[in-house]
Amino acid sequence: MFQRHDYTILDHLTEICEVVDFNLRYLYVNEAAAEREQLSRDQMIGRTMLELHPGIESTRLFQHLKECLQECKPVEFEDNISYPHNAIERWKIKIDPVAGGAFLHSTAISAYRTKVKLRKQSAHSMMTGSHLRGLTGTWTANHDAGTEQAEDLQIEGWLDALDSRTRESTEHIIRVAEATVALARMAGLPESEIIQIRRGALLHDIGKIGIPDAILLKSGRLTAEEWEIVRKHPLYAYDLFYPIEYLRNCLSIPYSHHEKWDGTGYPLGLKGEEIPLPARLFAVVDVWDVLSCDRVYGKAWPQEKITEYIQGQSGRHFDPEAVDLFFSYATAANRM
């Protein structure tokens, strides 16, 4: 999942993140993990989990960790864990296979937290297997139900991590994903690509988990230096997802949705059709939805003003054909 030089992006996360090799030796831990263990990172890295936790062999964590390493598949579960000088707490733990071992991501489950998950929204569920099959047509023979469920579970975990860090609403994420899929179909993209486009739209801002809270959650205007940090979130998305084969296929939107048709976007300054088509379609949908809704930093624009703005950015920010396609979709869907 991560190359070694990319591990530092984990330091911005408040959740516990650890990377271990096949001998359960810590290759990297973030500050949250070291603080929870009441050790320094230097005291942890290079030592094994068994050294620090002699009784781990009898825990569910150890059993699931072995399962991940032996079968090379992601595992997610909840368990009660006691850390030094702390009461037993309930934790949600995700373990993902990586090239040299496993990546552990642990999130404390607060007793008061009531989060609406995408899979619980029956009318708009984006993650359940039956719904995905209906949207994507025939699955390939080697993409069995077990693989599908494991991938969906991992994607939902990334959405959980994003939800805990940003102000993006679930409703916004669902709307832009649905609209992007609709445009992709109107553009004639094959059904075999639709699931990756949907996943990319759902995870479009996943790179923001690498942005420090002081910047990401700042209520006032960002400085030029802070904006430069924010503009790195597509690069963080690339670092996170490129090493994972099935997530690599949905990177076009998280990595390229801030590129602009005239070449003035970021992170690469791509121009015109150099920008992947899913990212060009998503860009129009995302801006439309952001301007259509009240946000913490501004009121919704009138529909006429949004239409004028989108049309004015055709050939500048947006692919002109994507703009035309979007207005055809919006008219048919009674969104204008």
Protein backbone atom coordinates (compact mmCIF):
# COMPACT_ATOMS: atom_id res chain seq x y z
CA MET A 1 0.00 0.00 0.00
CA PHE A 2 2.74 2.47 0.95
CA GLN A 3 6.28 2.78 -0.24
CA ARG A 4 8.67 3.39 2.61
CA HIS A 5 9.36 7.02 1.76
CA ASP A 6 5.62 7.71 1.77
CA TYR A 7 4.96 6.56 5.34
CA THR A 8 5.31 10.09 6.71
CA ILE A 9 1.85 11.01 5.40
CA LEU A 10 0.51 8.77 8.17
CA ASP A 11 1.87 11.19 10.77
CA HIS A 12 -1.00 13.60 10.11
CA LEU A 13 -3.61 10.99 11.07
CA THR A 14 -5.04 10.85 14.56
CA GLU A 15 -5.80 7.15 14.12
CA ILE A 16 -3.18 4.54 15.01
CA CYS A 17 -1.20 3.43 11.95
CA GLU A 18 1.50 0.76 12.01
CA VAL A 19 3.42 -1.15 9.34
CA VAL A 20 4.91 -4.55 10.24
CA ASP A 21 6.92 -7.08 8.24
CA PHE A 22 6.31 -10.82 8.05
CA ASN A 23 8.15 -11.27 11.36
CA LEU A 24 5.76 -8.77 12.97
CA ARG A 25 8.63 -6.31 13.31
CA TYR A 26 7.58 -2.67 13.24
CA LEU A 27 8.78 -0.97 10.06
CA TYR A 28 6.95 2.26 10.79
CA VAL A 29 4.51 3.69 13.32
CA ASN A 30 2.93 7.12 13.37
CA GLU A 31 2.91 9.45 16.36
CA ALA A 32 -0.56 8.30 17.42
CA ALA A 33 0.64 4.68 17.69
CA ALA A 34 3.71 5.60 19.71
CA GLU A 35 1.68 7.82 22.04
CA ARG A 36 -0.84 5.07 22.68
CA GLU A 37 1.98 2.65 23.56
CA GLN A 38 3.60 5.35 25.71
CA LEU A 39 6.87 4.79 23.87
CA SER A 40 8.85 6.79 21.37
CA ARG A 41 8.78 5.77 17.75
CA ASP A 42 12.47 4.89 17.96
CA GLN A 43 11.64 2.53 20.82
CA MET A 44 9.04 0.76 18.67
CA ILE A 45 10.54 0.62 15.19
CA GLY A 46 12.74 -2.44 14.80
CA ARG A 47 11.12 -4.33 17.64
CA THR A 48 8.41 -6.95 17.19
CA MET A 49 4.83 -6.90 18.33
CA LEU A 50 5.55 -9.99 20.41
CA GLU A 51 8.28 -8.15 22.30
CA LEU A 52 5.96 -5.33 23.25
CA HIS A 53 2.88 -7.53 23.73
CA PRO A 54 3.91 -11.04 24.83
CA GLY A 55 0.28 -12.16 25.11
CA ILE A 56 -0.70 -11.12 21.59
CA GLU A 57 -0.63 -14.71 20.27
CA SER A 58 -3.88 -15.41 22.05
CA THR A 59 -5.71 -12.35 20.73
CA ARG A 60 -8.03 -11.92 17.77
CA LEU A 61 -5.64 -9.27 16.47
CA PHE A 62 -2.85 -11.82 16.10
CA GLN A 63 -5.13 -14.35 14.42
CA HIS A 64 -6.41 -11.80 11.91
CA LEU A 65 -2.88 -10.52 11.30
CA LYS A 66 -1.71 -14.03 10.46
CA GLU A 67 -4.74 -14.43 8.18
CA CYS A 68 -3.83 -11.25 6.32
CA LEU A 69 -0.18 -12.22 5.91
CA GLN A 70 -0.77 -15.85 4.96
CA GLU A 71 -3.68 -15.32 2.58
CA CYS A 72 -2.66 -11.85 1.38
CA LYS A 73 -6.12 -10.37 1.86
CA PRO A 74 -7.50 -7.40 3.82
CA VAL A 75 -9.21 -8.04 7.15
CA GLU A 76 -11.47 -5.74 9.17
CA PHE A 77 -12.89 -6.41 12.62
CA GLU A 78 -13.75 -4.87 15.97
CA ASP A 79 -12.20 -5.88 19.29
CA ASN A 80 -11.66 -4.76 22.85
CA ILE A 81 -8.01 -3.80 23.38
CA SER A 82 -6.21 -2.57 26.47
CA TYR A 83 -3.16 -0.33 26.06
CA PRO A 84 -0.68 0.57 28.85
CA HIS A 85 -2.28 2.56 31.68
CA ASN A 86 -5.62 2.76 29.84
CA ALA A 87 -8.94 1.06 30.35
CA ILE A 88 -10.09 -1.50 27.83
CA GLU A 89 -11.52 0.26 24.79
CA ARG A 90 -13.42 -0.81 21.69
CA TRP A 91 -11.44 -0.50 18.47
CA LYS A 92 -12.14 -0.89 14.78
CA ILE A 93 -9.08 -2.42 13.15
CA LYS A 94 -8.26 -2.80 9.45
CA ILE A 95 -5.29 -4.86 8.29
CA ASP A 96 -4.15 -4.60 4.67
CA PRO A 97 -1.45 -6.67 2.95
CA VAL A 98 1.51 -4.69 1.63
CA ALA A 99 4.60 -5.72 -0.30
CA GLY A 100 6.72 -6.33 2.80
CA GLY A 101 4.10 -7.30 5.38
CA ALA A 102 0.93 -5.63 6.64
CA PHE A 103 -0.51 -2.19 7.36
CA LEU A 104 -2.65 -1.83 10.49
CA HIS A 105 -5.11 1.04 10.85
CA SER A 106 -6.89 1.25 14.24
CA THR A 107 -9.70 3.65 15.12
CA ALA A 108 -11.22 3.99 18.58
CA ILE A 109 -14.98 3.56 18.56
CA SER A 110 -16.50 6.29 20.69
CA ALA A 111 -19.58 5.29 22.61
CA TYR A 112 -21.38 8.44 21.52
CA ARG A 113 -20.50 8.31 17.85
CA THR A 114 -23.47 7.70 15.56
CA LYS A 115 -22.27 7.68 11.98
CA VAL A 116 -24.51 6.92 9.03
CA LYS A 117 -22.64 4.55 6.75
CA LEU A 118 -23.20 4.39 3.01
CA ARG A 119 -24.16 0.73 3.13
CA LYS A 120 -27.02 1.56 5.53
CA GLN A 121 -28.67 3.97 3.12
CA SER A 122 -30.90 1.51 1.34
CA ALA A 123 -32.23 3.99 -1.20
CA HIS A 124 -28.78 5.16 -2.26
CA SER A 125 -26.43 2.40 -1.15
CA MET A 126 -23.20 2.57 -3.09
CA MET A 127 -21.36 -0.29 -1.46
CA THR A 128 -23.55 -3.39 -1.30
CA GLY A 129 -22.59 -6.12 -3.72
CA SER A 130 -26.03 -6.64 -5.25
CA HIS A 131 -26.38 -2.93 -6.01
CA LEU A 132 -22.95 -2.80 -7.62
CA ARG A 133 -23.70 -5.83 -9.77
CA GLY A 134 -26.87 -4.18 -11.01
CA LEU A 135 -24.97 -1.05 -11.98
CA THR A 136 -21.96 -2.66 -13.60
CA GLY A 137 -23.52 -5.43 -15.63
CA THR A 138 -21.70 -8.73 -15.99
CA TRP A 139 -18.77 -9.33 -13.67
CA THR A 140 -15.64 -10.99 -14.97
CA ALA A 141 -15.29 -14.63 -14.06
CA ASN A 142 -12.31 -14.08 -11.78
CA HIS A 143 -14.02 -11.30 -9.80
CA ASP A 144 -15.94 -13.48 -7.36
CA ALA A 145 -18.25 -12.42 -4.55
CA GLY A 146 -15.49 -12.81 -1.95
CA THR A 147 -13.16 -10.47 -3.80
CA GLU A 148 -15.97 -7.98 -4.33
CA GLN A 149 -16.91 -7.96 -0.65
CA ALA A 150 -13.30 -7.59 0.47
CA GLU A 151 -12.77 -4.65 -1.90
CA ASP A 152 -16.03 -2.98 -0.86
CA LEU A 153 -15.10 -3.41 2.80
CA GLN A 154 -11.73 -1.81 2.25
CA ILE A 155 -13.23 1.08 0.30
CA GLU A 156 -15.76 1.69 3.06
CA GLY A 157 -12.84 1.78 5.48
CA TRP A 158 -11.19 4.52 3.43
CA LEU A 159 -14.49 6.41 3.40
CA ASP A 160 -14.66 6.09 7.18
CA ALA A 161 -11.16 7.53 7.46
CA LEU A 162 -12.06 10.38 5.12
CA ASP A 163 -15.29 11.08 7.01
CA SER A 164 -13.42 11.39 10.28
CA ARG A 165 -11.06 14.01 8.83
CA THR A 166 -13.08 16.23 6.49
CA ARG A 167 -16.29 18.21 6.27
CA GLU A 168 -17.54 16.48 3.15
CA SER A 169 -21.11 15.30 3.60
CA THR A 170 -22.21 11.79 2.75
CA GLU A 171 -24.98 13.28 0.62
CA HIS A 172 -22.46 15.23 -1.51
CA ILE A 173 -20.31 12.15 -2.04
CA ILE A 174 -23.29 10.05 -3.12
CA ARG A 175 -24.68 12.72 -5.45
CA VAL A 176 -21.41 13.31 -7.30
CA ALA A 177 -20.76 9.58 -7.61
CA GLU A 178 -24.21 8.92 -9.06
CA ALA A 179 -24.00 11.82 -11.50
CA THR A 180 -20.48 10.92 -12.65
CA VAL A 181 -21.56 7.35 -13.35
CA ALA A 182 -24.54 8.65 -15.33
CA LEU A 183 -22.28 10.90 -17.44
CA ALA A 184 -19.82 8.06 -17.99
CA ARG A 185 -22.61 5.92 -19.40
CA MET A 186 -23.85 8.78 -21.58
CA ALA A 187 -20.27 9.18 -22.85
CA GLY A 188 -20.30 5.55 -23.92
CA LEU A 189 -17.70 4.24 -21.48
CA PRO A 190 -17.90 0.44 -21.13
CA GLU A 191 -19.69 -1.08 -18.17
CA SER A 192 -16.46 -2.80 -17.17
CA GLU A 193 -15.07 0.63 -16.23
CA ILE A 194 -18.12 1.94 -14.38
CA ILE A 195 -17.32 0.38 -11.01
CA GLN A 196 -13.86 2.01 -11.02
CA ILE A 197 -15.36 5.36 -11.96
CA ARG A 198 -17.87 5.05 -9.12
CA ARG A 199 -15.16 4.16 -6.64
CA GLY A 200 -12.97 6.99 -7.84
CA ALA A 201 -15.83 9.47 -7.42
CA LEU A 202 -16.60 8.19 -3.92
CA LEU A 203 -12.93 8.52 -2.96
CA HIS A 204 -12.20 11.70 -4.91
CA ASP A 205 -10.82 13.59 -1.90
CA ILE A 206 -9.14 10.64 -0.14
CA GLY A 207 -5.78 12.42 -0.37
CA LYS A 208 -7.02 14.98 2.15
CA ILE A 209 -6.37 12.50 4.95
CA GLY A 210 -2.74 13.52 4.49
CA ILE A 211 -3.44 17.22 5.14
CA PRO A 212 -2.78 18.46 8.72
CA ASP A 213 -5.95 19.23 10.72
CA ALA A 214 -4.78 22.79 11.35
CA ILE A 215 -5.08 23.43 7.61
CA LEU A 216 -7.82 21.00 6.61
CA LEU A 217 -10.26 22.24 9.26
CA LYS A 218 -9.25 25.90 9.27
CA SER A 219 -12.32 28.14 9.25
CA GLY A 220 -10.58 31.24 7.94
CA ARG A 221 -8.85 32.02 4.67
CA LEU A 222 -5.82 29.86 3.88
CA THR A 223 -2.42 31.42 3.32
CA ALA A 224 -0.51 30.83 0.08
CA GLU A 225 1.72 28.34 1.88
CA GLU A 226 -1.30 26.46 3.26
CA TRP A 227 -2.88 26.30 -0.19
CA GLU A 228 0.29 24.71 -1.52
CA ILE A 229 -0.08 21.97 1.08
CA VAL A 230 -3.76 21.44 0.23
CA ARG A 231 -2.87 21.15 -3.45
CA LYS A 232 -0.78 18.09 -2.62
CA HIS A 233 -3.83 15.95 -1.82
CA PRO A 234 -4.01 14.40 -5.31
CA LEU A 235 -0.37 13.32 -4.88
CA TYR A 236 -1.23 11.77 -1.51
CA ALA A 237 -4.09 9.89 -3.18
CA TYR A 238 -1.66 8.54 -5.76
CA ASP A 239 0.80 7.44 -3.06
CA LEU A 240 -1.98 5.71 -1.15
CA PHE A 241 -3.67 3.86 -3.99
CA TYR A 242 -1.15 3.18 -6.73
CA PRO A 243 0.50 0.24 -4.92
CA ILE A 244 -2.93 -1.46 -4.57
CA GLU A 245 -3.82 -2.99 -7.92
CA TYR A 246 -7.61 -2.79 -7.73
CA LEU A 247 -7.54 0.77 -6.32
CA ARG A 248 -4.98 1.85 -8.92
CA ASN A 249 -7.71 1.43 -11.52
CA CYS A 250 -9.89 4.10 -9.89
CA LEU A 251 -7.12 6.70 -9.47
CA SER A 252 -8.03 8.85 -12.46
CA ILE A 253 -10.56 10.89 -10.46
CA PRO A 254 -8.72 11.25 -7.10
CA TYR A 255 -5.46 12.08 -8.92
CA SER A 256 -6.70 14.25 -11.79
CA HIS A 257 -9.99 15.94 -10.85
CA HIS A 258 -8.24 19.28 -10.21
CA GLU A 259 -6.63 19.37 -13.65
CA LYS A 260 -8.14 21.96 -16.00
CA TRP A 261 -8.89 21.82 -19.71
CA ASP A 262 -6.61 24.81 -20.40
CA GLY A 263 -3.65 23.27 -18.53
CA THR A 264 -3.73 25.56 -15.47
CA GLY A 265 -4.79 22.88 -12.99
CA TYR A 266 -2.80 20.60 -10.71
CA PRO A 267 -0.92 18.43 -9.81
CA LEU A 268 0.59 17.87 -13.29
CA GLY A 269 -0.83 20.74 -15.35
CA LEU A 270 -2.42 18.32 -17.83
CA LYS A 271 -4.23 19.91 -20.76
CA GLY A 272 -7.23 18.90 -22.85
CA GLU A 273 -7.55 15.21 -23.54
CA GLU A 274 -4.38 14.51 -21.56
CA ILE A 275 -6.77 14.59 -18.59
CA PRO A 276 -8.51 11.21 -18.11
CA LEU A 277 -12.12 11.35 -19.27
CA PRO A 278 -13.60 10.24 -15.90
CA ALA A 279 -11.80 13.16 -14.21
CA ARG A 280 -13.11 15.60 -16.84
CA LEU A 281 -16.67 14.40 -16.27
CA PHE A 282 -16.32 14.47 -12.50
CA ALA A 283 -14.90 18.01 -12.46
CA VAL A 284 -18.11 19.49 -13.86
CA VAL A 285 -20.32 17.44 -11.53
CA ASP A 286 -18.27 18.33 -8.45
CA VAL A 287 -18.25 22.08 -9.06
CA TRP A 288 -21.97 22.07 -9.86
CA ASP A 289 -22.82 20.22 -6.65
CA VAL A 290 -20.54 22.33 -4.45
CA LEU A 291 -22.06 25.57 -5.74
CA SER A 292 -25.61 24.19 -5.46
CA CYS A 293 -25.50 23.51 -1.71
CA ASP A 294 -24.96 25.51 1.44
CA ARG A 295 -21.48 24.83 2.76
CA VAL A 296 -19.68 25.79 5.96
CA TYR A 297 -17.80 28.44 3.98
CA GLY A 298 -20.63 29.84 1.85
CA LYS A 299 -24.28 29.81 0.79
CA ALA A 300 -25.56 28.03 -2.30
CA TRP A 301 -25.52 30.03 -5.52
CA PRO A 302 -28.73 30.67 -7.48
CA GLN A 303 -29.21 28.13 -10.25
CA GLU A 304 -28.92 30.76 -12.99
CA LYS A 305 -25.56 31.94 -11.64
CA ILE A 306 -24.22 28.37 -11.46
CA THR A 307 -25.31 27.67 -15.04
CA GLU A 308 -23.65 30.87 -16.23
CA TYR A 309 -20.45 30.01 -14.37
CA ILE A 310 -20.23 26.44 -15.71
CA GLN A 311 -20.86 27.64 -19.27
CA GLY A 312 -18.28 30.39 -18.83
CA GLN A 313 -15.67 27.85 -17.75
CA SER A 314 -16.28 25.60 -20.77
CA GLY A 315 -12.97 25.39 -22.64
CA ARG A 316 -11.11 26.85 -19.66
CA HIS A 317 -11.70 24.78 -16.52
CA PHE A 318 -13.95 22.18 -18.15
CA ASP A 319 -13.95 19.98 -21.22
CA PRO A 320 -16.60 21.60 -23.48
CA GLU A 321 -18.06 18.20 -24.39
CA ALA A 322 -18.28 17.29 -20.70
CA VAL A 323 -20.19 20.53 -20.06
CA ASP A 324 -22.66 19.79 -22.86
CA LEU A 325 -23.09 16.24 -21.60
CA PHE A 326 -23.69 17.46 -18.05
CA PHE A 327 -26.41 19.91 -19.07
CA SER A 328 -28.11 17.18 -21.10
CA TYR A 329 -28.01 14.94 -18.03
CA ALA A 330 -29.18 17.68 -15.66
CA THR A 331 -32.10 18.59 -17.92
CA ALA A 332 -33.20 14.96 -18.26
CA ALA A 333 -32.88 14.43 -14.50
CA ASN A 334 -34.82 17.66 -13.74
CA ARG A 335 -31.83 19.11 -11.88
CA MET A 336 -32.05 22.45 -13.62
